[in-house]
């Protein structure tokens, strides 16, 4: 079965979040993968239309 566009977007967004976490906090989260994240707690940020880096900034309270 072919993934839907929305599920592809969700997975792409997840990959972006993992990349943003690694870039911003790599020293603290060595080797983090998508399976390490509780995505149900992040989904609302995706549904708000936040970019992965914006979602990470919000989640880790580093927004300016």
PDB file of N, CA and C in Angstrom:
ATOM      1  N   UNK A   1       0.846  -1.187   0.000  1.00  0.00           N
ATOM      2  CA  UNK A   1       0.000   0.000   0.000  1.00  0.00           C
ATOM      3  C   UNK A   1       0.886   1.244   0.000  1.00  0.00           C
ATOM      4  N   UNK A   2       0.592   2.182  -0.863  1.00  0.00           N
ATOM      5  CA  UNK A   2       1.338   3.431  -1.009  1.00  0.00           C
ATOM      6  C   UNK A   2       0.921   4.420   0.088  1.00  0.00           C
ATOM      7  N   UNK A   3       1.894   5.030   0.798  1.00  0.00           N
ATOM      8  CA  UNK A   3       1.532   6.020   1.829  1.00  0.00           C
ATOM      9  C   UNK A   3       0.836   7.228   1.211  1.00  0.00           C
ATOM     10  N   UNK A   4      -0.088   7.805   1.945  1.00  0.00           N
ATOM     11  CA  UNK A   4      -0.783   8.999   1.472  1.00  0.00           C
ATOM     12  C   UNK A   4       0.141  10.201   1.574  1.00  0.00           C
ATOM     13  N   UNK A   5      -0.220  11.263   0.875  1.00  0.00           N
ATOM     14  CA  UNK A   5       0.575  12.486   0.911  1.00  0.00           C
ATOM     15  C   UNK A   5       0.691  13.003   2.338  1.00  0.00           C
ATOM     16  N   UNK A   6      -0.415  12.952   3.097  1.00  0.00           N
ATOM     17  CA  UNK A   6      -0.367  13.460   4.469  1.00  0.00           C
ATOM     18  C   UNK A   6       0.535  12.601   5.353  1.00  0.00           C
ATOM     19  N   UNK A   7       0.544  11.287   5.146  1.00  0.00           N
ATOM     20  CA  UNK A   7       1.435  10.455   5.956  1.00  0.00           C
ATOM     21  C   UNK A   7       2.885  10.659   5.531  1.00  0.00           C
ATOM     22  N   UNK A   8       3.123  10.921   4.250  1.00  0.00           N
ATOM     23  CA  UNK A   8       4.478  11.242   3.800  1.00  0.00           C
ATOM     24  C   UNK A   8       4.935  12.560   4.418  1.00  0.00           C
ATOM     25  N   UNK A   9       4.039  13.545   4.445  1.00  0.00           N
ATOM     26  CA  UNK A   9       4.372  14.849   5.036  1.00  0.00           C
ATOM     27  C   UNK A   9       4.675  14.695   6.523  1.00  0.00           C
ATOM     28  N   UNK A  10       3.885  13.882   7.215  1.00  0.00           N
ATOM     29  CA  UNK A  10       4.079  13.652   8.645  1.00  0.00           C
ATOM     30  C   UNK A  10       5.438  13.002   8.896  1.00  0.00           C
ATOM     31  N   UNK A  11       5.776  11.985   8.116  1.00  0.00           N
ATOM     32  CA  UNK A  11       7.067  11.309   8.287  1.00  0.00           C
ATOM     33  C   UNK A  11       8.220  12.232   7.935  1.00  0.00           C
ATOM     34  N   UNK A  12       8.060  13.020   6.921  1.00  0.00           N
ATOM     35  CA  UNK A  12       9.090  13.995   6.547  1.00  0.00           C
ATOM     36  C   UNK A  12       9.279  15.019   7.661  1.00  0.00           C
ATOM     37  N   UNK A  13       8.170  15.473   8.239  1.00  0.00           N
ATOM     38  CA  UNK A  13       8.222  16.428   9.345  1.00  0.00           C
ATOM     39  C   UNK A  13       8.931  15.796  10.543  1.00  0.00           C
ATOM     40  N   UNK A  14       8.626  14.541  10.841  1.00  0.00           N
ATOM     41  CA  UNK A  14       9.294  13.829  11.932  1.00  0.00           C
ATOM     42  C   UNK A  14      10.800  13.781  11.703  1.00  0.00           C
ATOM     43  N   UNK A  15      11.203  13.453  10.480  1.00  0.00           N
ATOM     44  CA  UNK A  15      12.630  13.425  10.159  1.00  0.00           C
ATOM     45  C   UNK A  15      13.251  14.800  10.381  1.00  0.00           C
ATOM     46  N   UNK A  16      12.518  15.847  10.024  1.00  0.00           N
ATOM     47  CA  UNK A  16      13.000  17.204  10.236  1.00  0.00           C
ATOM     48  C   UNK A  16      13.162  17.539  11.700  1.00  0.00           C
ATOM     49  N   UNK A  17      12.243  17.068  12.520  1.00  0.00           N
ATOM     50  CA  UNK A  17      12.336  17.293  13.964  1.00  0.00           C
ATOM     51  C   UNK A  17      13.564  16.596  14.533  1.00  0.00           C
ATOM     52  N   UNK A  18      13.770  15.355  14.144  1.00  0.00           N
ATOM     53  CA  UNK A  18      14.944  14.615  14.628  1.00  0.00           C
ATOM     54  C   UNK A  18      16.217  15.329  14.191  1.00  0.00           C
ATOM     55  N   UNK A  19      16.250  15.802  12.968  1.00  0.00           N
ATOM     56  CA  UNK A  19      17.413  16.547  12.473  1.00  0.00           C
ATOM     57  C   UNK A  19      17.617  17.837  13.264  1.00  0.00           C
ATOM     58  N   UNK A  20      16.530  18.551  13.540  1.00  0.00           N
ATOM     59  CA  UNK A  20      16.629  19.806  14.307  1.00  0.00           C
ATOM     60  C   UNK A  20      17.108  19.543  15.733  1.00  0.00           C
ATOM     61  N   UNK A  21      16.615  18.490  16.352  1.00  0.00           N
ATOM     62  CA  UNK A  21      17.068  18.140  17.707  1.00  0.00           C
ATOM     63  C   UNK A  21      18.561  17.828  17.679  1.00  0.00           C
ATOM     64  N   UNK A  22      18.973  17.055  16.687  1.00  0.00           N
ATOM     65  CA  UNK A  22      20.381  16.688  16.565  1.00  0.00           C
ATOM     66  C   UNK A  22      21.251  17.922  16.351  1.00  0.00           C
ATOM     67  N   UNK A  23      20.795  18.843  15.510  1.00  0.00           N
ATOM     68  CA  UNK A  23      21.573  20.050  15.242  1.00  0.00           C
ATOM     69  C   UNK A  23      21.652  20.955  16.466  1.00  0.00           C
ATOM     70  N   UNK A  24      20.537  21.102  17.165  1.00  0.00           N
ATOM     71  CA  UNK A  24      20.499  22.034  18.291  1.00  0.00           C
ATOM     72  C   UNK A  24      21.030  21.440  19.601  1.00  0.00           C
ATOM     73  N   UNK A  25      20.844  20.131  19.771  1.00  0.00           N
ATOM     74  CA  UNK A  25      21.177  19.502  21.050  1.00  0.00           C
ATOM     75  C   UNK A  25      21.958  18.210  20.869  1.00  0.00           C
ATOM     76  N   UNK A  26      22.732  18.114  19.799  1.00  0.00           N
ATOM     77  CA  UNK A  26      23.438  16.877  19.462  1.00  0.00           C
ATOM     78  C   UNK A  26      24.248  16.296  20.597  1.00  0.00           C
ATOM     79  N   UNK A  27      24.873  17.143  21.377  1.00  0.00           N
ATOM     80  CA  UNK A  27      25.674  16.659  22.491  1.00  0.00           C
ATOM     81  C   UNK A  27      24.864  15.987  23.576  1.00  0.00           C
ATOM     82  N   UNK A  28      23.596  16.360  23.674  1.00  0.00           N
ATOM     83  CA  UNK A  28      22.730  15.798  24.711  1.00  0.00           C
ATOM     84  C   UNK A  28      21.952  14.584  24.224  1.00  0.00           C
ATOM     85  N   UNK A  29      21.729  14.517  22.917  1.00  0.00           N
ATOM     86  CA  UNK A  29      20.895  13.456  22.354  1.00  0.00           C
ATOM     87  C   UNK A  29      21.654  12.702  21.266  1.00  0.00           C
ATOM     88  N   UNK A  30      22.747  12.095  21.633  1.00  0.00           N
ATOM     89  CA  UNK A  30      23.560  11.364  20.671  1.00  0.00           C
ATOM     90  C   UNK A  30      22.793  10.165  20.123  1.00  0.00           C
ATOM     91  N   UNK A  31      22.770  10.040  18.824  1.00  0.00           N
ATOM     92  CA  UNK A  31      22.153   8.877  18.195  1.00  0.00           C
ATOM     93  C   UNK A  31      20.642   8.835  18.235  1.00  0.00           C
ATOM     94  N   UNK A  32      19.981   9.962  18.461  1.00  0.00           N
ATOM     95  CA  UNK A  32      18.521   9.974  18.503  1.00  0.00           C
ATOM     96  C   UNK A  32      17.959   9.576  17.131  1.00  0.00           C
ATOM     97  N   UNK A  33      16.915   8.786  17.156  1.00  0.00           N
ATOM     98  CA  UNK A  33      16.229   8.382  15.928  1.00  0.00           C
ATOM     99  C   UNK A  33      14.746   8.683  16.075  1.00  0.00           C
ATOM    100  N   UNK A  34      14.029   8.545  14.975  1.00  0.00           N
ATOM    101  CA  UNK A  34      12.594   8.824  14.994  1.00  0.00           C
ATOM    102  C   UNK A  34      11.872   7.926  16.007  1.00  0.00           C
ATOM    103  N   UNK A  35      12.342   6.700  16.188  1.00  0.00           N
ATOM    104  CA  UNK A  35      11.674   5.783  17.121  1.00  0.00           C
ATOM    105  C   UNK A  35      11.881   6.168  18.591  1.00  0.00           C
ATOM    106  N   UNK A  36      12.780   7.091  18.863  1.00  0.00           N
ATOM    107  CA  UNK A  36      13.030   7.546  20.235  1.00  0.00           C
ATOM    108  C   UNK A  36      12.058   8.616  20.710  1.00  0.00           C
ATOM    109  N   UNK A  37      11.242   9.130  19.807  1.00  0.00           N
ATOM    110  CA  UNK A  37      10.380  10.277  20.107  1.00  0.00           C
ATOM    111  C   UNK A  37       8.934   9.821  20.274  1.00  0.00           C
ATOM    112  N   UNK A  38       8.255  10.368  21.267  1.00  0.00           N
ATOM    113  CA  UNK A  38       6.826  10.115  21.471  1.00  0.00           C
ATOM    114  C   UNK A  38       6.049  11.078  20.566  1.00  0.00           C
ATOM    115  N   UNK A  39       5.715  10.635  19.366  1.00  0.00           N
ATOM    116  CA  UNK A  39       5.151  11.518  18.351  1.00  0.00           C
ATOM    117  C   UNK A  39       3.747  12.005  18.665  1.00  0.00           C
ATOM    118  N   UNK A  40       3.027  11.305  19.497  1.00  0.00           N
ATOM    119  CA  UNK A  40       1.682  11.782  19.857  1.00  0.00           C
ATOM    120  C   UNK A  40       1.761  13.115  20.595  1.00  0.00           C
ATOM    121  N   UNK A  41       2.838  13.331  21.343  1.00  0.00           N
ATOM    122  CA  UNK A  41       2.985  14.602  22.059  1.00  0.00           C
ATOM    123  C   UNK A  41       3.460  15.726  21.145  1.00  0.00           C
ATOM    124  N   UNK A  42       3.943  15.395  19.969  1.00  0.00           N
ATOM    125  CA  UNK A  42       4.435  16.387  19.008  1.00  0.00           C
ATOM    126  C   UNK A  42       3.425  16.691  17.907  1.00  0.00           C
ATOM    127  N   UNK A  43       2.464  15.829  17.709  1.00  0.00           N
ATOM    128  CA  UNK A  43       1.580  15.943  16.544  1.00  0.00           C
ATOM    129  C   UNK A  43       0.862  17.290  16.473  1.00  0.00           C
ATOM    130  N   UNK A  44       0.440  17.824  17.593  1.00  0.00           N
ATOM    131  CA  UNK A  44      -0.287  19.100  17.577  1.00  0.00           C
ATOM    132  C   UNK A  44       0.575  20.226  17.014  1.00  0.00           C
ATOM    133  N   UNK A  45       1.889  20.164  17.214  1.00  0.00           N
ATOM    134  CA  UNK A  45       2.781  21.172  16.644  1.00  0.00           C
ATOM    135  C   UNK A  45       2.802  21.067  15.119  1.00  0.00           C
ATOM    136  N   UNK A  46       2.770  19.855  14.628  1.00  0.00           N
ATOM    137  CA  UNK A  46       2.693  19.622  13.181  1.00  0.00           C
ATOM    138  C   UNK A  46       1.365  20.133  12.643  1.00  0.00           C
ATOM    139  N   UNK A  47       0.295  19.837  13.354  1.00  0.00           N
ATOM    140  CA  UNK A  47      -1.045  20.252  12.917  1.00  0.00           C
ATOM    141  C   UNK A  47      -1.202  21.776  12.949  1.00  0.00           C
ATOM    142  N   UNK A  48      -0.434  22.450  13.793  1.00  0.00           N
ATOM    143  CA  UNK A  48      -0.432  23.917  13.843  1.00  0.00           C
ATOM    144  C   UNK A  48       0.296  24.510  12.648  1.00  0.00           C
ATOM    145  N   UNK A  49       1.029  23.678  11.924  1.00  0.00           N
ATOM    146  CA  UNK A  49       1.776  24.159  10.772  1.00  0.00           C
ATOM    147  C   UNK A  49       3.187  24.632  11.100  1.00  0.00           C
ATOM    148  N   UNK A  50       3.654  24.290  12.289  1.00  0.00           N
ATOM    149  CA  UNK A  50       5.007  24.693  12.664  1.00  0.00           C
ATOM    150  C   UNK A  50       6.039  23.906  11.860  1.00  0.00           C
ATOM    151  N   UNK A  51       7.128  24.557  11.565  1.00  0.00           N
ATOM    152  CA  UNK A  51       8.247  23.863  10.932  1.00  0.00           C
ATOM    153  C   UNK A  51       8.891  22.966  11.993  1.00  0.00           C
ATOM    154  N   UNK A  52       9.657  21.975  11.565  1.00  0.00           N
ATOM    155  CA  UNK A  52      10.339  21.139  12.557  1.00  0.00           C
ATOM    156  C   UNK A  52      11.221  21.940  13.516  1.00  0.00           C
ATOM    157  N   UNK A  53      11.974  22.918  13.000  1.00  0.00           N
ATOM    158  CA  UNK A  53      12.845  23.688  13.897  1.00  0.00           C
ATOM    159  C   UNK A  53      12.039  24.555  14.865  1.00  0.00           C
ATOM    160  N   UNK A  54      10.909  25.080  14.415  1.00  0.00           N
ATOM    161  CA  UNK A  54      10.042  25.851  15.291  1.00  0.00           C
ATOM    162  C   UNK A  54       9.421  24.960  16.367  1.00  0.00           C
ATOM    163  N   UNK A  55       9.046  23.760  15.987  1.00  0.00           N
ATOM    164  CA  UNK A  55       8.472  22.815  16.954  1.00  0.00           C
ATOM    165  C   UNK A  55       9.496  22.443  18.022  1.00  0.00           C
ATOM    166  N   UNK A  56      10.732  22.221  17.603  1.00  0.00           N
ATOM    167  CA  UNK A  56      11.797  21.894  18.562  1.00  0.00           C
ATOM    168  C   UNK A  56      12.045  23.077  19.491  1.00  0.00           C
ATOM    169  N   UNK A  57      12.089  24.275  18.941  1.00  0.00           N
ATOM    170  CA  UNK A  57      12.292  25.469  19.772  1.00  0.00           C
ATOM    171  C   UNK A  57      11.171  25.604  20.793  1.00  0.00           C
ATOM    172  N   UNK A  58       9.944  25.340  20.377  1.00  0.00           N
ATOM    173  CA  UNK A  58       8.812  25.419  21.308  1.00  0.00           C
ATOM    174  C   UNK A  58       8.906  24.333  22.377  1.00  0.00           C
ATOM    175  N   UNK A  59       9.167  23.123  21.950  1.00  0.00           N
ATOM    176  CA  UNK A  59       9.208  21.987  22.881  1.00  0.00           C
ATOM    177  C   UNK A  59      10.329  22.116  23.919  1.00  0.00           C
ATOM    178  N   UNK A  60      11.440  22.676  23.506  1.00  0.00           N
ATOM    179  CA  UNK A  60      12.583  22.802  24.406  1.00  0.00           C
ATOM    180  C   UNK A  60      12.705  24.213  24.993  1.00  0.00           C
ATOM    181  N   UNK A  61      11.648  24.990  24.842  1.00  0.00           N
ATOM    182  CA  UNK A  61      11.554  26.325  25.428  1.00  0.00           C
ATOM    183  C   UNK A  61      12.725  27.232  25.042  1.00  0.00           C
ATOM    184  N   UNK A  62      13.093  27.179  23.769  1.00  0.00           N
ATOM    185  CA  UNK A  62      14.166  28.048  23.286  1.00  0.00           C
ATOM    186  C   UNK A  62      13.664  29.051  22.264  1.00  0.00           C
ATOM    187  N   UNK A  63      12.343  29.200  22.157  1.00  0.00           N
ATOM    188  CA  UNK A  63      11.759  30.170  21.229  1.00  0.00           C
ATOM    189  C   UNK A  63      12.153  31.568  21.652  1.00  0.00           C
ATOM    190  N   UNK A  64      12.264  32.419  20.652  1.00  0.00           N
ATOM    191  CA  UNK A  64      12.575  33.832  20.940  1.00  0.00           C
ATOM    192  C   UNK A  64      11.456  34.705  20.514  1.00  0.00           C
TER     193      UNK A  64
END
